[in-house]
Amino acid sequence: MKQFRVVFMGRKPGAAWALDWLIAHGHSIPAVIVSAHGPDTEPLTLRAHAAGIPVMTDSQVYATLAGDASLFSGVDLVISYLH
């Protein structure tokens, strides 16, 4: 299977399971974007931290893109479990 570089966004309960699947199948996740209104104890945030993946809110993403966007270079796919 081809390995993808995936930016992952989520807040729904199934998002943590989907992130686990991507990690288990060797995909590269440069960042996980979560809701600014969600607690840091949500399953997705905890799983991302455990895997050493940076966790950002949407406003942090915009600030990153306005500065040094290299974190997001070469991204193949964006997956959203936000809505």
Protein backbone atom coordinates (compact mmCIF):
# COMPACT_ATOMS: atom_id res chain seq x y z
CA MET A 1 0.00 0.00 0.00
CA LYS A 2 1.21 3.50 -0.82
CA GLN A 3 2.14 5.57 2.22
CA PHE A 4 0.54 9.02 2.35
CA ARG A 5 1.39 12.22 4.19
CA VAL A 6 -1.93 13.12 5.85
CA VAL A 7 -3.08 16.16 7.80
CA PHE A 8 -5.83 14.88 10.08
CA MET A 9 -8.65 16.99 11.54
CA GLY A 10 -11.18 15.73 14.01
CA ARG A 11 -13.48 16.07 16.96
CA LYS A 12 -15.91 13.17 16.53
CA PRO A 13 -15.49 10.00 18.62
CA GLY A 14 -14.44 7.89 15.62
CA ALA A 15 -11.59 10.26 14.77
CA ALA A 16 -9.23 8.65 17.28
CA TRP A 17 -9.83 5.20 15.78
CA ALA A 18 -9.23 6.52 12.27
CA LEU A 19 -5.97 8.14 13.40
CA ASP A 20 -4.90 4.82 14.97
CA TRP A 21 -5.57 3.07 11.65
CA LEU A 22 -3.51 5.59 9.68
CA ILE A 23 -0.59 5.28 12.10
CA ALA A 24 -0.79 1.45 12.16
CA HIS A 25 -0.62 1.40 8.35
CA GLY A 26 2.51 3.54 8.23
CA HIS A 27 1.08 6.82 7.02
CA SER A 28 2.90 10.00 7.99
CA ILE A 29 0.83 12.47 10.02
CA PRO A 30 2.60 15.86 10.28
CA ALA A 31 -0.21 17.42 12.37
CA VAL A 32 -3.58 16.78 13.92
CA ILE A 33 -6.00 19.71 13.95
CA VAL A 34 -8.63 19.77 16.70
CA SER A 35 -11.43 22.11 17.74
CA ALA A 36 -10.31 25.06 19.82
CA HIS A 37 -13.34 24.38 22.04
CA GLY A 38 -12.45 20.77 22.85
CA PRO A 39 -10.54 19.75 25.96
CA ASP A 40 -6.98 18.45 25.76
CA THR A 41 -8.25 15.16 27.17
CA GLU A 42 -10.29 14.21 24.09
CA PRO A 43 -9.29 10.79 22.70
CA LEU A 44 -7.92 12.22 19.44
CA THR A 45 -5.68 14.71 21.24
CA LEU A 46 -4.41 12.04 23.64
CA ARG A 47 -3.66 9.59 20.81
CA ALA A 48 -1.84 12.24 18.78
CA HIS A 49 0.30 13.26 21.76
CA ALA A 50 1.09 9.61 22.50
CA ALA A 51 2.28 9.16 18.90
CA GLY A 52 4.39 12.33 19.03
CA ILE A 53 2.20 14.14 16.50
CA PRO A 54 1.80 17.91 16.93
CA VAL A 55 -1.75 18.97 17.83
CA MET A 56 -3.01 22.36 16.62
CA THR A 57 -6.21 24.37 16.54
CA ASP A 58 -7.42 25.98 13.33
CA SER A 59 -6.05 29.39 14.38
CA GLN A 60 -2.63 27.82 15.01
CA VAL A 61 -2.74 26.29 11.52
CA TYR A 62 -3.43 29.68 9.95
CA ALA A 63 -0.57 31.24 11.92
CA THR A 64 1.76 28.43 10.82
CA LEU A 65 0.75 28.81 7.19
CA ALA A 66 1.34 32.57 7.39
CA GLY A 67 4.85 31.95 8.70
CA ASP A 68 6.82 28.80 7.93
CA ALA A 69 4.47 26.41 6.15
CA SER A 70 7.08 23.65 5.76
CA LEU A 71 5.18 21.45 8.24
CA PHE A 72 2.49 21.09 5.59
CA SER A 73 4.70 20.69 2.54
CA GLY A 74 4.23 17.52 0.55
CA VAL A 75 0.85 16.71 2.08
CA ASP A 76 -1.03 14.18 -0.04
CA LEU A 77 -4.34 14.19 1.77
CA VAL A 78 -6.42 16.07 4.34
CA ILE A 79 -8.96 13.99 6.26
CA SER A 80 -11.65 15.70 8.32
CA TYR A 81 -13.76 14.18 11.09
CA LEU A 82 -14.83 17.66 12.25
CA HIS A 83 -18.48 17.78 11.10
